[in-house]
Amino acid sequence: MNDKFTIAKYIKEFIMILDDYLINYPRKYFELRNRLVNDSYELLELVYIANYTNIDKRKDIQIKTLMKVNLIDFYIEQSFKKRIISERQSIKLCNRLHYDY
Protein backbone atom coordinates (compact mmCIF):
# COMPACT_ATOMS: atom_id res chain seq x y z
CA MET A 1 0.00 0.00 0.00
CA ASN A 2 2.95 2.36 0.52
CA ASP A 3 3.75 2.23 -3.21
CA LYS A 4 0.29 3.58 -3.94
CA PHE A 5 1.07 6.83 -2.11
CA THR A 6 4.57 7.54 -3.47
CA ILE A 7 3.45 10.62 -5.39
CA ALA A 8 1.61 11.94 -2.33
CA LYS A 9 4.80 11.55 -0.31
CA TYR A 10 6.76 13.69 -2.80
CA ILE A 11 4.04 16.34 -2.87
CA LYS A 12 4.12 16.50 0.94
CA GLU A 13 7.89 16.98 0.79
CA PHE A 14 7.39 19.71 -1.84
CA ILE A 15 4.91 21.49 0.46
CA MET A 16 7.34 21.32 3.37
CA ILE A 17 10.18 22.74 1.25
CA LEU A 18 7.84 25.41 -0.11
CA ASP A 19 6.89 26.36 3.43
CA ASP A 20 10.50 27.43 4.09
CA TYR A 21 10.41 29.89 1.18
CA LEU A 22 7.03 31.40 2.01
CA ILE A 23 8.48 33.44 4.85
CA ASN A 24 10.14 35.81 2.36
CA TYR A 25 7.01 36.80 0.46
CA PRO A 26 6.31 40.52 0.65
CA ARG A 27 2.84 41.61 1.63
CA LYS A 28 2.09 43.06 -1.79
CA TYR A 29 2.48 39.59 -3.37
CA PHE A 30 0.37 37.85 -0.77
CA GLU A 31 -2.17 36.70 -3.39
CA LEU A 32 0.58 34.93 -5.33
CA ARG A 33 1.75 33.28 -2.11
CA ASN A 34 -1.78 32.19 -1.22
CA ARG A 35 -2.38 30.71 -4.66
CA LEU A 36 0.89 28.82 -4.44
CA VAL A 37 -0.02 27.38 -1.06
CA ASN A 38 -3.66 26.61 -1.86
CA ASP A 39 -2.92 24.96 -5.18
CA SER A 40 -0.17 22.86 -3.59
CA TYR A 41 -2.62 21.50 -1.05
CA GLU A 42 -5.25 21.01 -3.76
CA LEU A 43 -2.67 19.04 -5.75
CA LEU A 44 -2.15 16.74 -2.78
CA GLU A 45 -5.91 16.38 -2.43
CA LEU A 46 -6.29 15.46 -6.11
CA VAL A 47 -3.60 12.81 -5.79
CA TYR A 48 -5.40 11.23 -2.85
CA ILE A 49 -8.70 11.34 -4.74
CA ALA A 50 -7.06 9.66 -7.74
CA ASN A 51 -5.55 6.99 -5.48
CA TYR A 52 -8.99 6.04 -4.22
CA THR A 53 -10.74 6.22 -7.60
CA ASN A 54 -11.08 3.30 -9.98
CA ILE A 55 -8.56 3.31 -12.79
CA ASP A 56 -11.36 3.68 -15.34
CA LYS A 57 -12.46 7.01 -13.84
CA ARG A 58 -9.07 8.62 -13.09
CA LYS A 59 -8.56 10.44 -16.41
CA ASP A 60 -10.38 13.67 -15.40
CA ILE A 61 -8.60 13.76 -12.04
CA GLN A 62 -5.24 13.22 -13.71
CA ILE A 63 -5.90 16.11 -16.10
CA LYS A 64 -6.79 18.38 -13.16
CA THR A 65 -3.65 17.23 -11.38
CA LEU A 66 -1.44 18.11 -14.34
CA MET A 67 -3.17 21.47 -14.59
CA LYS A 68 -2.36 22.17 -10.92
CA VAL A 69 1.27 21.22 -11.47
CA ASN A 70 1.47 23.68 -14.37
CA LEU A 71 -0.18 26.42 -12.31
CA ILE A 72 2.20 25.88 -9.39
CA ASP A 73 5.11 25.94 -11.81
CA PHE A 74 3.83 29.27 -13.14
CA TYR A 75 3.55 30.69 -9.60
CA ILE A 76 7.14 29.65 -8.90
CA GLU A 77 8.27 31.28 -12.13
CA GLN A 78 6.44 34.49 -11.22
CA SER A 79 7.98 34.44 -7.76
CA PHE A 80 11.41 34.23 -9.35
CA LYS A 81 10.67 37.01 -11.85
CA LYS A 82 9.48 39.25 -9.02
CA ARG A 83 12.72 38.42 -7.16
CA ILE A 84 10.87 36.93 -4.21
CA ILE A 85 12.84 33.71 -4.47
CA SER A 86 16.26 33.11 -5.96
CA GLU A 87 17.00 31.18 -9.12
CA ARG A 88 18.46 28.36 -7.04
CA GLN A 89 15.31 28.19 -4.93
CA SER A 90 13.04 28.21 -7.97
CA ILE A 91 15.05 25.42 -9.59
CA LYS A 92 14.92 23.38 -6.40
CA LEU A 93 11.15 23.83 -6.13
CA CYS A 94 10.52 23.06 -9.79
CA ASN A 95 12.72 19.97 -9.65
CA ARG A 96 10.82 18.75 -6.62
CA LEU A 97 7.49 19.53 -8.28
CA HIS A 98 8.44 17.74 -11.49
CA TYR A 99 10.09 14.84 -9.70
CA ASP A 100 10.51 11.82 -11.98
CA TYR A 101 8.17 9.34 -10.34
PDB file of N, CA and C in Angstrom:
ATOM      1  N   MET A   1       0.822  -1.197   0.000  1.00  0.00           N
ATOM      2  CA  MET A   1       0.000   0.000   0.000  1.00  0.00           C
ATOM      3  C   MET A   1       0.868   1.263   0.000  1.00  0.00           C
ATOM      4  N   ASN A   2       2.079   1.189   0.510  1.00  0.00           N
ATOM      5  CA  ASN A   2       2.954   2.363   0.518  1.00  0.00           C
ATOM      6  C   ASN A   2       3.296   2.817  -0.897  1.00  0.00           C
ATOM      7  N   ASP A   3       3.425   1.867  -1.838  1.00  0.00           N
ATOM      8  CA  ASP A   3       3.749   2.235  -3.210  1.00  0.00           C
ATOM      9  C   ASP A   3       2.641   3.085  -3.831  1.00  0.00           C
ATOM     10  N   LYS A   4       1.434   2.866  -3.391  1.00  0.00           N
ATOM     11  CA  LYS A   4       0.287   3.584  -3.940  1.00  0.00           C
ATOM     12  C   LYS A   4       0.349   5.075  -3.608  1.00  0.00           C
ATOM     13  N   PHE A   5       1.045   5.453  -2.566  1.00  0.00           N
ATOM     14  CA  PHE A   5       1.069   6.834  -2.112  1.00  0.00           C
ATOM     15  C   PHE A   5       2.433   7.503  -2.310  1.00  0.00           C
ATOM     16  N   THR A   6       3.239   6.980  -3.221  1.00  0.00           N
ATOM     17  CA  THR A   6       4.566   7.537  -3.475  1.00  0.00           C
ATOM     18  C   THR A   6       4.474   8.979  -3.948  1.00  0.00           C
ATOM     19  N   ILE A   7       3.587   9.261  -4.866  1.00  0.00           N
ATOM     20  CA  ILE A   7       3.448  10.623  -5.390  1.00  0.00           C
ATOM     21  C   ILE A   7       3.002  11.563  -4.279  1.00  0.00           C
ATOM     22  N   ALA A   8       2.076  11.121  -3.451  1.00  0.00           N
ATOM     23  CA  ALA A   8       1.609  11.943  -2.326  1.00  0.00           C
ATOM     24  C   ALA A   8       2.758  12.272  -1.382  1.00  0.00           C
ATOM     25  N   LYS A   9       3.645  11.310  -1.180  1.00  0.00           N
ATOM     26  CA  LYS A   9       4.803  11.546  -0.313  1.00  0.00           C
ATOM     27  C   LYS A   9       5.686  12.663  -0.865  1.00  0.00           C
ATOM     28  N   TYR A  10       5.923  12.654  -2.176  1.00  0.00           N
ATOM     29  CA  TYR A  10       6.757  13.688  -2.799  1.00  0.00           C
ATOM     30  C   TYR A  10       6.070  15.055  -2.788  1.00  0.00           C
ATOM     31  N   ILE A  11       4.771  15.064  -2.926  1.00  0.00           N
ATOM     32  CA  ILE A  11       4.045  16.339  -2.868  1.00  0.00           C
ATOM     33  C   ILE A  11       4.101  16.897  -1.449  1.00  0.00           C
ATOM     34  N   LYS A  12       3.987  16.044  -0.452  1.00  0.00           N
ATOM     35  CA  LYS A  12       4.120  16.503   0.937  1.00  0.00           C
ATOM     36  C   LYS A  12       5.497  17.104   1.178  1.00  0.00           C
ATOM     37  N   GLU A  13       6.530  16.453   0.648  1.00  0.00           N
ATOM     38  CA  GLU A  13       7.891  16.983   0.785  1.00  0.00           C
ATOM     39  C   GLU A  13       8.009  18.324   0.069  1.00  0.00           C
ATOM     40  N   PHE A  14       7.388  18.442  -1.112  1.00  0.00           N
ATOM     41  CA  PHE A  14       7.389  19.711  -1.837  1.00  0.00           C
ATOM     42  C   PHE A  14       6.742  20.810  -0.990  1.00  0.00           C
ATOM     43  N   ILE A  15       5.626  20.506  -0.377  1.00  0.00           N
ATOM     44  CA  ILE A  15       4.912  21.490   0.456  1.00  0.00           C
ATOM     45  C   ILE A  15       5.778  21.910   1.638  1.00  0.00           C
ATOM     46  N   MET A  16       6.487  20.976   2.237  1.00  0.00           N
ATOM     47  CA  MET A  16       7.340  21.320   3.374  1.00  0.00           C
ATOM     48  C   MET A  16       8.509  22.196   2.940  1.00  0.00           C
ATOM     49  N   ILE A  17       9.098  21.905   1.778  1.00  0.00           N
ATOM     50  CA  ILE A  17      10.176  22.744   1.252  1.00  0.00           C
ATOM     51  C   ILE A  17       9.634  24.124   0.899  1.00  0.00           C
ATOM     52  N   LEU A  18       8.482  24.147   0.271  1.00  0.00           N
ATOM     53  CA  LEU A  18       7.840  25.406  -0.108  1.00  0.00           C
ATOM     54  C   LEU A  18       7.585  26.278   1.110  1.00  0.00           C
ATOM     55  N   ASP A  19       7.184  25.649   2.173  1.00  0.00           N
ATOM     56  CA  ASP A  19       6.895  26.363   3.426  1.00  0.00           C
ATOM     57  C   ASP A  19       8.085  27.200   3.902  1.00  0.00           C
ATOM     58  N   ASP A  20       9.291  26.695   3.690  1.00  0.00           N
ATOM     59  CA  ASP A  20      10.497  27.426   4.092  1.00  0.00           C
ATOM     60  C   ASP A  20      10.682  28.712   3.298  1.00  0.00           C
ATOM     61  N   TYR A  21      10.235  28.715   2.037  1.00  0.00           N
ATOM     62  CA  TYR A  21      10.411  29.886   1.184  1.00  0.00           C
ATOM     63  C   TYR A  21       9.288  30.909   1.325  1.00  0.00           C
ATOM     64  N   LEU A  22       8.184  30.508   1.906  1.00  0.00           N
ATOM     65  CA  LEU A  22       7.029  31.402   2.011  1.00  0.00           C
ATOM     66  C   LEU A  22       7.246  32.552   2.985  1.00  0.00           C
ATOM     67  N   ILE A  23       8.193  32.408   3.851  1.00  0.00           N
ATOM     68  CA  ILE A  23       8.483  33.440   4.848  1.00  0.00           C
ATOM     69  C   ILE A  23       8.912  34.741   4.174  1.00  0.00           C
ATOM     70  N   ASN A  24       9.569  34.652   3.033  1.00  0.00           N
ATOM     71  CA  ASN A  24      10.140  35.814   2.362  1.00  0.00           C
ATOM     72  C   ASN A  24       9.165  36.576   1.473  1.00  0.00           C
ATOM     73  N   TYR A  25       7.945  36.130   1.355  1.00  0.00           N
ATOM     74  CA  TYR A  25       7.010  36.803   0.458  1.00  0.00           C
ATOM     75  C   TYR A  25       6.578  38.154   1.013  1.00  0.00           C
ATOM     76  N   PRO A  26       6.768  39.198   0.217  1.00  0.00           N
ATOM     77  CA  PRO A  26       6.307  40.525   0.654  1.00  0.00           C
ATOM     78  C   PRO A  26       4.775  40.583   0.683  1.00  0.00           C
ATOM     79  N   ARG A  27       4.287  41.470   1.455  1.00  0.00           N
ATOM     80  CA  ARG A  27       2.844  41.607   1.633  1.00  0.00           C
ATOM     81  C   ARG A  27       2.123  41.921   0.320  1.00  0.00           C
ATOM     82  N   LYS A  28       2.759  42.680  -0.547  1.00  0.00           N
ATOM     83  CA  LYS A  28       2.086  43.061  -1.794  1.00  0.00           C
ATOM     84  C   LYS A  28       1.916  41.888  -2.756  1.00  0.00           C
ATOM     85  N   TYR A  29       2.630  40.792  -2.542  1.00  0.00           N
ATOM     86  CA  TYR A  29       2.481  39.592  -3.366  1.00  0.00           C
ATOM     87  C   TYR A  29       1.799  38.462  -2.592  1.00  0.00           C
ATOM     88  N   PHE A  30       1.011  38.838  -1.627  1.00  0.00           N
ATOM     89  CA  PHE A  30       0.366  37.847  -0.774  1.00  0.00           C
ATOM     90  C   PHE A  30      -0.600  36.956  -1.561  1.00  0.00           C
ATOM     91  N   GLU A  31      -1.245  37.505  -2.583  1.00  0.00           N
ATOM     92  CA  GLU A  31      -2.168  36.703  -3.395  1.00  0.00           C
ATOM     93  C   GLU A  31      -1.412  35.601  -4.139  1.00  0.00           C
ATOM     94  N   LEU A  32      -0.252  35.924  -4.667  1.00  0.00           N
ATOM     95  CA  LEU A  32       0.585  34.929  -5.332  1.00  0.00           C
ATOM     96  C   LEU A  32       0.983  33.834  -4.347  1.00  0.00           C
ATOM     97  N   ARG A  33       1.371  34.229  -3.165  1.00  0.00           N
ATOM     98  CA  ARG A  33       1.748  33.280  -2.110  1.00  0.00           C
ATOM     99  C   ARG A  33       0.571  32.370  -1.762  1.00  0.00           C
ATOM    100  N   ASN A  34      -0.602  32.970  -1.581  1.00  0.00           N
ATOM    101  CA  ASN A  34      -1.783  32.187  -1.217  1.00  0.00           C
ATOM    102  C   ASN A  34      -2.167  31.195  -2.312  1.00  0.00           C
ATOM    103  N   ARG A  35      -2.062  31.617  -3.549  1.00  0.00           N
ATOM    104  CA  ARG A  35      -2.378  30.709  -4.659  1.00  0.00           C
ATOM    105  C   ARG A  35      -1.381  29.550  -4.701  1.00  0.00           C
ATOM    106  N   LEU A  36      -0.141  29.846  -4.459  1.00  0.00           N
ATOM    107  CA  LEU A  36       0.891  28.822  -4.440  1.00  0.00           C
ATOM    108  C   LEU A  36       0.613  27.790  -3.348  1.00  0.00           C
ATOM    109  N   VAL A  37       0.273  28.270  -2.184  1.00  0.00           N
ATOM    110  CA  VAL A  37      -0.019  27.376  -1.061  1.00  0.00           C
ATOM    111  C   VAL A  37      -1.297  26.577  -1.318  1.00  0.00           C
ATOM    112  N   ASN A  38      -2.363  27.277  -1.675  1.00  0.00           N
ATOM    113  CA  ASN A  38      -3.655  26.610  -1.859  1.00  0.00           C
ATOM    114  C   ASN A  38      -3.612  25.570  -2.971  1.00  0.00           C
ATOM    115  N   ASP A  39      -2.988  25.925  -4.085  1.00  0.00           N
ATOM    116  CA  ASP A  39      -2.919  24.957  -5.184  1.00  0.00           C
ATOM    117  C   ASP A  39      -2.019  23.776  -4.852  1.00  0.00           C
ATOM    118  N   SER A  40      -1.018  23.979  -4.025  1.00  0.00           N
ATOM    119  CA  SER A  40      -0.169  22.861  -3.589  1.00  0.00           C
ATOM    120  C   SER A  40      -0.971  21.869  -2.755  1.00  0.00           C
ATOM    121  N   TYR A  41      -1.774  22.385  -1.862  1.00  0.00           N
ATOM    122  CA  TYR A  41      -2.619  21.500  -1.055  1.00  0.00           C
ATOM    123  C   TYR A  41      -3.716  20.859  -1.901  1.00  0.00           C
ATOM    124  N   GLU A  42      -4.247  21.590  -2.863  1.00  0.00           N
ATOM    125  CA  GLU A  42      -5.248  21.009  -3.757  1.00  0.00           C
ATOM    126  C   GLU A  42      -4.633  19.913  -4.622  1.00  0.00           C
ATOM    127  N   LEU A  43      -3.375  20.079  -5.006  1.00  0.00           N
ATOM    128  CA  LEU A  43      -2.666  19.042  -5.752  1.00  0.00           C
ATOM    129  C   LEU A  43      -2.579  17.765  -4.927  1.00  0.00           C
ATOM    130  N   LEU A  44      -2.214  17.905  -3.676  1.00  0.00           N
ATOM    131  CA  LEU A  44      -2.149  16.744  -2.785  1.00  0.00           C
ATOM    132  C   LEU A  44      -3.526  16.089  -2.657  1.00  0.00           C
ATOM    133  N   GLU A  45      -4.542  16.901  -2.529  1.00  0.00           N
ATOM    134  CA  GLU A  45      -5.910  16.379  -2.429  1.00  0.00           C
ATOM    135  C   GLU A  45      -6.301  15.612  -3.695  1.00  0.00           C
ATOM    136  N   LEU A  46      -5.975  16.148  -4.852  1.00  0.00           N
ATOM    137  CA  LEU A  46      -6.293  15.464  -6.107  1.00  0.00           C
ATOM    138  C   LEU A  46      -5.576  14.123  -6.222  1.00  0.00           C
ATOM    139  N   VAL A  47      -4.339  14.070  -5.743  1.00  0.00           N
ATOM    140  CA  VAL A  47      -3.598  12.808  -5.791  1.00  0.00           C
ATOM    141  C   VAL A  47      -4.267  11.763  -4.897  1.00  0.00           C
ATOM    142  N   TYR A  48      -4.700  12.176  -3.728  1.00  0.00           N
ATOM    143  CA  TYR A  48      -5.400  11.232  -2.854  1.00  0.00           C
ATOM    144  C   TYR A  48      -6.729  10.787  -3.469  1.00  0.00           C
ATOM    145  N   ILE A  49      -7.447  11.709  -4.085  1.00  0.00           N
ATOM    146  CA  ILE A  49      -8.703  11.337  -4.743  1.00  0.00           C
ATOM    147  C   ILE A  49      -8.431  10.333  -5.854  1.00  0.00           C
ATOM    148  N   ALA A  50      -7.402  10.585  -6.651  1.00  0.00           N
ATOM    149  CA  ALA A  50      -7.058   9.663  -7.739  1.00  0.00           C
ATOM    150  C   ALA A  50      -6.666   8.292  -7.201  1.00  0.00           C
ATOM    151  N   ASN A  51      -5.964   8.269  -6.071  1.00  0.00           N
ATOM    152  CA  ASN A  51      -5.553   6.989  -5.482  1.00  0.00           C
ATOM    153  C   ASN A  51      -6.742   6.133  -5.060  1.00  0.00           C
ATOM    154  N   TYR A  52      -7.818   6.775  -4.681  1.00  0.00           N
ATOM    155  CA  TYR A  52      -8.987   6.039  -4.220  1.00  0.00           C
ATOM    156  C   TYR A  52     -10.060   5.880  -5.288  1.00  0.00           C
ATOM    157  N   THR A  53      -9.783   6.320  -6.501  1.00  0.00           N
ATOM    158  CA  THR A  53     -10.736   6.217  -7.597  1.00  0.00           C
ATOM    159  C   THR A  53     -10.353   5.047  -8.491  1.00  0.00           C
ATOM    160  N   ASN A  54     -11.351   4.402  -9.046  1.00  0.00           N
ATOM    161  CA  ASN A  54     -11.084   3.303  -9.978  1.00  0.00           C
ATOM    162  C   ASN A  54     -10.275   3.810 -11.159  1.00  0.00           C
ATOM    163  N   ILE A  55      -9.441   2.951 -11.682  1.00  0.00           N
ATOM    164  CA  ILE A  55      -8.558   3.312 -12.787  1.00  0.00           C
ATOM    165  C   ILE A  55      -9.359   3.830 -13.978  1.00  0.00           C
ATOM    166  N   ASP A  56     -10.535   3.273 -14.203  1.00  0.00           N
ATOM    167  CA  ASP A  56     -11.364   3.681 -15.344  1.00  0.00           C
ATOM    168  C   ASP A  56     -11.809   5.138 -15.245  1.00  0.00           C
ATOM    169  N   LYS A  57     -11.892   5.670 -14.043  1.00  0.00           N
ATOM    170  CA  LYS A  57     -12.456   7.011 -13.836  1.00  0.00           C
ATOM    171  C   LYS A  57     -11.411   8.050 -13.443  1.00  0.00           C
ATOM    172  N   ARG A  58     -10.145   7.722 -13.548  1.00  0.00           N
ATOM    173  CA  ARG A  58      -9.075   8.619 -13.094  1.00  0.00           C
ATOM    174  C   ARG A  58      -8.692   9.702 -14.104  1.00  0.00           C
ATOM    175  N   LYS A  59      -9.051   9.549 -15.352  1.00  0.00           N
ATOM    176  CA  LYS A  59      -8.562  10.442 -16.408  1.00  0.00           C
ATOM    177  C   LYS A  59      -8.824  11.916 -16.093  1.00  0.00           C
ATOM    178  N   ASP A  60     -10.041  12.271 -15.707  1.00  0.00           N
ATOM    179  CA  ASP A  60     -10.377  13.665 -15.397  1.00  0.00           C
ATOM    180  C   ASP A  60      -9.559  14.193 -14.221  1.00  0.00           C
ATOM    181  N   ILE A  61      -9.378  13.358 -13.217  1.00  0.00           N
ATOM    182  CA  ILE A  61      -8.603  13.764 -12.043  1.00  0.00           C
ATOM    183  C   ILE A  61      -7.140  13.964 -12.426  1.00  0.00           C
ATOM    184  N   GLN A  62      -6.621  13.090 -13.267  1.00  0.00           N
ATOM    185  CA  GLN A  62      -5.237  13.220 -13.709  1.00  0.00           C
ATOM    186  C   GLN A  62      -5.026  14.498 -14.517  1.00  0.00           C
ATOM    187  N   ILE A  63      -5.993  14.865 -15.333  1.00  0.00           N
ATOM    188  CA  ILE A  63      -5.904  16.108 -16.104  1.00  0.00           C
ATOM    189  C   ILE A  63      -5.897  17.308 -15.166  1.00  0.00           C
ATOM    190  N   LYS A  64      -6.764  17.295 -14.151  1.00  0.00           N
ATOM    191  CA  LYS A  64      -6.795  18.384 -13.163  1.00  0.00           C
ATOM    192  C   LYS A  64      -5.474  18.444 -12.395  1.00  0.00           C
ATOM    193  N   THR A  65      -4.920  17.288 -12.097  1.00  0.00           N
ATOM    194  CA  THR A  65      -3.650  17.231 -11.376  1.00  0.00           C
ATOM    195  C   THR A  65      -2.527  17.856 -12.200  1.00  0.00           C
ATOM    196  N   LEU A  66      -2.462  17.524 -13.465  1.00  0.00           N
ATOM    197  CA  LEU A  66      -1.441  18.111 -14.342  1.00  0.00           C
ATOM    198  C   LEU A  66      -1.632  19.616 -14.481  1.00  0.00           C
ATOM    199  N   MET A  67      -2.886  20.042 -14.524  1.00  0.00           N
ATOM    200  CA  MET A  67      -3.169  21.468 -14.594  1.00  0.00           C
ATOM    201  C   MET A  67      -2.649  22.183 -13.342  1.00  0.00           C
ATOM    202  N   LYS A  68      -2.854  21.585 -12.179  1.00  0.00           N
ATOM    203  CA  LYS A  68      -2.365  22.172 -10.922  1.00  0.00           C
ATOM    204  C   LYS A  68      -0.843  22.248 -10.911  1.00  0.00           C
ATOM    205  N   VAL A  69      -0.191  21.217 -11.407  1.00  0.00           N
ATOM    206  CA  VAL A  69       1.270  21.223 -11.466  1.00  0.00           C
ATOM    207  C   VAL A  69       1.743  22.383 -12.334  1.00  0.00           C
ATOM    208  N   ASN A  70       1.089  22.571 -13.479  1.00  0.00           N
ATOM    209  CA  ASN A  70       1.469  23.676 -14.373  1.00  0.00           C
ATOM    210  C   ASN A  70       1.208  25.037 -13.732  1.00  0.00           C
ATOM    211  N   LEU A  71       0.110  25.167 -13.006  1.00  0.00           N
ATOM    212  CA  LEU A  71      -0.175  26.425 -12.314  1.00  0.00           C
ATOM    213  C   LEU A  71       0.862  26.708 -11.231  1.00  0.00           C
ATOM    214  N   ILE A  72       1.194  25.710 -10.448  1.00  0.00           N
ATOM    215  CA  ILE A  72       2.195  25.884  -9.387  1.00  0.00           C
ATOM    216  C   ILE A  72       3.540  26.253  -9.997  1.00  0.00           C
ATOM    217  N   ASP A  73       3.872  25.611 -11.098  1.00  0.00           N
ATOM    218  CA  ASP A  73       5.109  25.939 -11.808  1.00  0.00           C
ATOM    219  C   ASP A  73       5.097  27.409 -12.253  1.00  0.00           C
ATOM    220  N   PHE A  74       3.973  27.871 -12.739  1.00  0.00           N
ATOM    221  CA  PHE A  74       3.833  29.275 -13.141  1.00  0.00           C
ATOM    222  C   PHE A  74       4.007  30.206 -11.939  1.00  0.00           C
ATOM    223  N   TYR A  75       3.420  29.864 -10.807  1.00  0.00           N
ATOM    224  CA  TYR A  75       3.553  30.692  -9.595  1.00  0.00           C
ATOM    225  C   TYR A  75       5.013  30.766  -9.145  1.00  0.00           C
ATOM    226  N   ILE A  76       5.713  29.664  -9.255  1.00  0.00           N
ATOM    227  CA  ILE A  76       7.139  29.651  -8.898  1.00  0.00           C
ATOM    228  C   ILE A  76       7.915  30.548  -9.853  1.00  0.00           C
ATOM    229  N   GLU A  77       7.606  30.430 -11.132  1.00  0.00           N
ATOM    230  CA  GLU A  77       8.266  31.280 -12.132  1.00  0.00           C
ATOM    231  C   GLU A  77       8.003  32.761 -11.854  1.00  0.00           C
ATOM    232  N   GLN A  78       6.781  33.105 -11.532  1.00  0.00           N
ATOM    233  CA  GLN A  78       6.436  34.493 -11.221  1.00  0.00           C
ATOM    234  C   GLN A  78       7.162  34.972  -9.959  1.00  0.00           C
ATOM    235  N   SER A  79       7.266  34.092  -8.996  1.00  0.00           N
ATOM    236  CA  SER A  79       7.975  34.436  -7.763  1.00  0.00           C
ATOM    237  C   SER A  79       9.441  34.730  -8.043  1.00  0.00           C
ATOM    238  N   PHE A  80      10.018  33.969  -8.958  1.00  0.00           N
ATOM    239  CA  PHE A  80      11.407  34.225  -9.348  1.00  0.00           C
ATOM    240  C   PHE A  80      11.529  35.545 -10.106  1.00  0.00           C
ATOM    241  N   LYS A  81      10.624  35.778 -11.050  1.00  0.00           N
ATOM    242  CA  LYS A  81      10.672  37.011 -11.845  1.00  0.00           C
ATOM    243  C   LYS A  81      10.481  38.260 -10.995  1.00  0.00           C
ATOM    244  N   LYS A  82       9.706  38.120  -9.934  1.00  0.00           N
ATOM    245  CA  LYS A  82       9.483  39.248  -9.025  1.00  0.00           C
ATOM    246  C   LYS A  82      10.566  39.332  -7.947  1.00  0.00           C
ATOM    247  N   ARG A  83      11.567  38.467  -8.072  1.00  0.00           N
ATOM    248  CA  ARG A  83      12.716  38.424  -7.159  1.00  0.00           C
ATOM    249  C   ARG A  83      12.327  38.146  -5.701  1.00  0.00           C
ATOM    250  N   ILE A  84      11.297  37.351  -5.547  1.00  0.00           N
ATOM    251  CA  ILE A  84      10.874  36.933  -4.207  1.00  0.00           C
ATOM    252  C   ILE A  84      11.705  35.729  -3.778  1.00  0.00           C
ATOM    253  N   ILE A  85      11.973  34.853  -4.737  1.00  0.00           N
ATOM    254  CA  ILE A  85      12.838  33.705  -4.470  1.00  0.00           C
ATOM    255  C   ILE A  85      13.993  33.754  -5.466  1.00  0.00           C
ATOM    256  N   SER A  86      15.069  33.110  -5.107  1.00  0.00           N
ATOM    257  CA  SER A  86      16.260  33.111  -5.963  1.00  0.00           C
ATOM    258  C   SER A  86      16.104  32.077  -7.083  1.00  0.00           C
ATOM    259  N   GLU A  87      17.014  32.152  -8.025  1.00  0.00           N
ATOM    260  CA  GLU A  87      17.001  31.179  -9.117  1.00  0.00           C
ATOM    261  C   GLU A  87      17.242  29.771  -8.577  1.00  0.00           C
ATOM    262  N   ARG A  88      18.165  29.661  -7.655  1.00  0.00           N
ATOM    263  CA  ARG A  88      18.460  28.356  -7.040  1.00  0.00           C
ATOM    264  C   ARG A  88      17.224  27.790  -6.341  1.00  0.00           C
ATOM    265  N   GLN A  89      16.516  28.637  -5.618  1.00  0.00           N
ATOM    266  CA  GLN A  89      15.309  28.195  -4.925  1.00  0.00           C
ATOM    267  C   GLN A  89      14.226  27.777  -5.922  1.00  0.00           C
ATOM    268  N   SER A  90      14.065  28.553  -6.980  1.00  0.00           N
ATOM    269  CA  SER A  90      13.040  28.208  -7.972  1.00  0.00           C
ATOM    270  C   SER A  90      13.370  26.894  -8.676  1.00  0.00           C
ATOM    271  N   ILE A  91      14.638  26.680  -8.968  1.00  0.00           N
ATOM    272  CA  ILE A  91      15.048  25.418  -9.591  1.00  0.00           C
ATOM    273  C   ILE A  91      14.801  24.249  -8.644  1.00  0.00           C
ATOM    274  N   LYS A  92      15.137  24.441  -7.388  1.00  0.00           N
ATOM    275  CA  LYS A  92      14.921  23.382  -6.395  1.00  0.00           C
ATOM    276  C   LYS A  92      13.434  23.039  -6.273  1.00  0.00           C
ATOM    277  N   LEU A  93      12.592  24.069  -6.226  1.00  0.00           N
ATOM    278  CA  LEU A  93      11.154  23.834  -6.127  1.00  0.00           C
ATOM    279  C   LEU A  93      10.607  23.159  -7.382  1.00  0.00           C
ATOM    280  N   CYS A  94      11.012  23.647  -8.534  1.00  0.00           N
ATOM    281  CA  CYS A  94      10.522  23.060  -9.788  1.00  0.00           C
ATOM    282  C   CYS A  94      10.990  21.618  -9.953  1.00  0.00           C
ATOM    283  N   ASN A  95      12.223  21.348  -9.581  1.00  0.00           N
ATOM    284  CA  ASN A  95      12.715  19.971  -9.649  1.00  0.00           C
ATOM    285  C   ASN A  95      11.930  19.060  -8.724  1.00  0.00           C
ATOM    286  N   ARG A  96      11.605  19.554  -7.557  1.00  0.00           N
ATOM    287  CA  ARG A  96      10.824  18.745  -6.619  1.00  0.00           C
ATOM    288  C   ARG A  96       9.395  18.567  -7.134  1.00  0.00           C
ATOM    289  N   LEU A  97       8.851  19.602  -7.750  1.00  0.00           N
ATOM    290  CA  LEU A  97       7.491  19.527  -8.279  1.00  0.00           C
ATOM    291  C   LEU A  97       7.409  18.579  -9.458  1.00  0.00           C
ATOM    292  N   HIS A  98       8.426  18.582 -10.301  1.00  0.00           N
ATOM    293  CA  HIS A  98       8.442  17.738 -11.491  1.00  0.00           C
ATOM    294  C   HIS A  98       9.275  16.477 -11.281  1.00  0.00           C
ATOM    295  N   TYR A  99       9.303  16.013 -10.055  1.00  0.00           N
ATOM    296  CA  TYR A  99      10.092  14.839  -9.702  1.00  0.00           C
ATOM    297  C   TYR A  99       9.728  13.669 -10.624  1.00  0.00           C
ATOM    298  N   ASP A 100      10.726  12.948 -11.069  1.00  0.00           N
ATOM    299  CA  ASP A 100      10.514  11.820 -11.981  1.00  0.00           C
ATOM    300  C   ASP A 100      10.057  10.618 -11.163  1.00  0.00           C
ATOM    301  N   TYR A 101       8.766  10.425 -11.119  1.00  0.00           N
ATOM    302  CA  TYR A 101       8.174   9.344 -10.337  1.00  0.00           C
ATOM    303  C   TYR A 101       8.416   8.035 -11.040  1.00  0.00           C
TER     304      TYR A 101
END
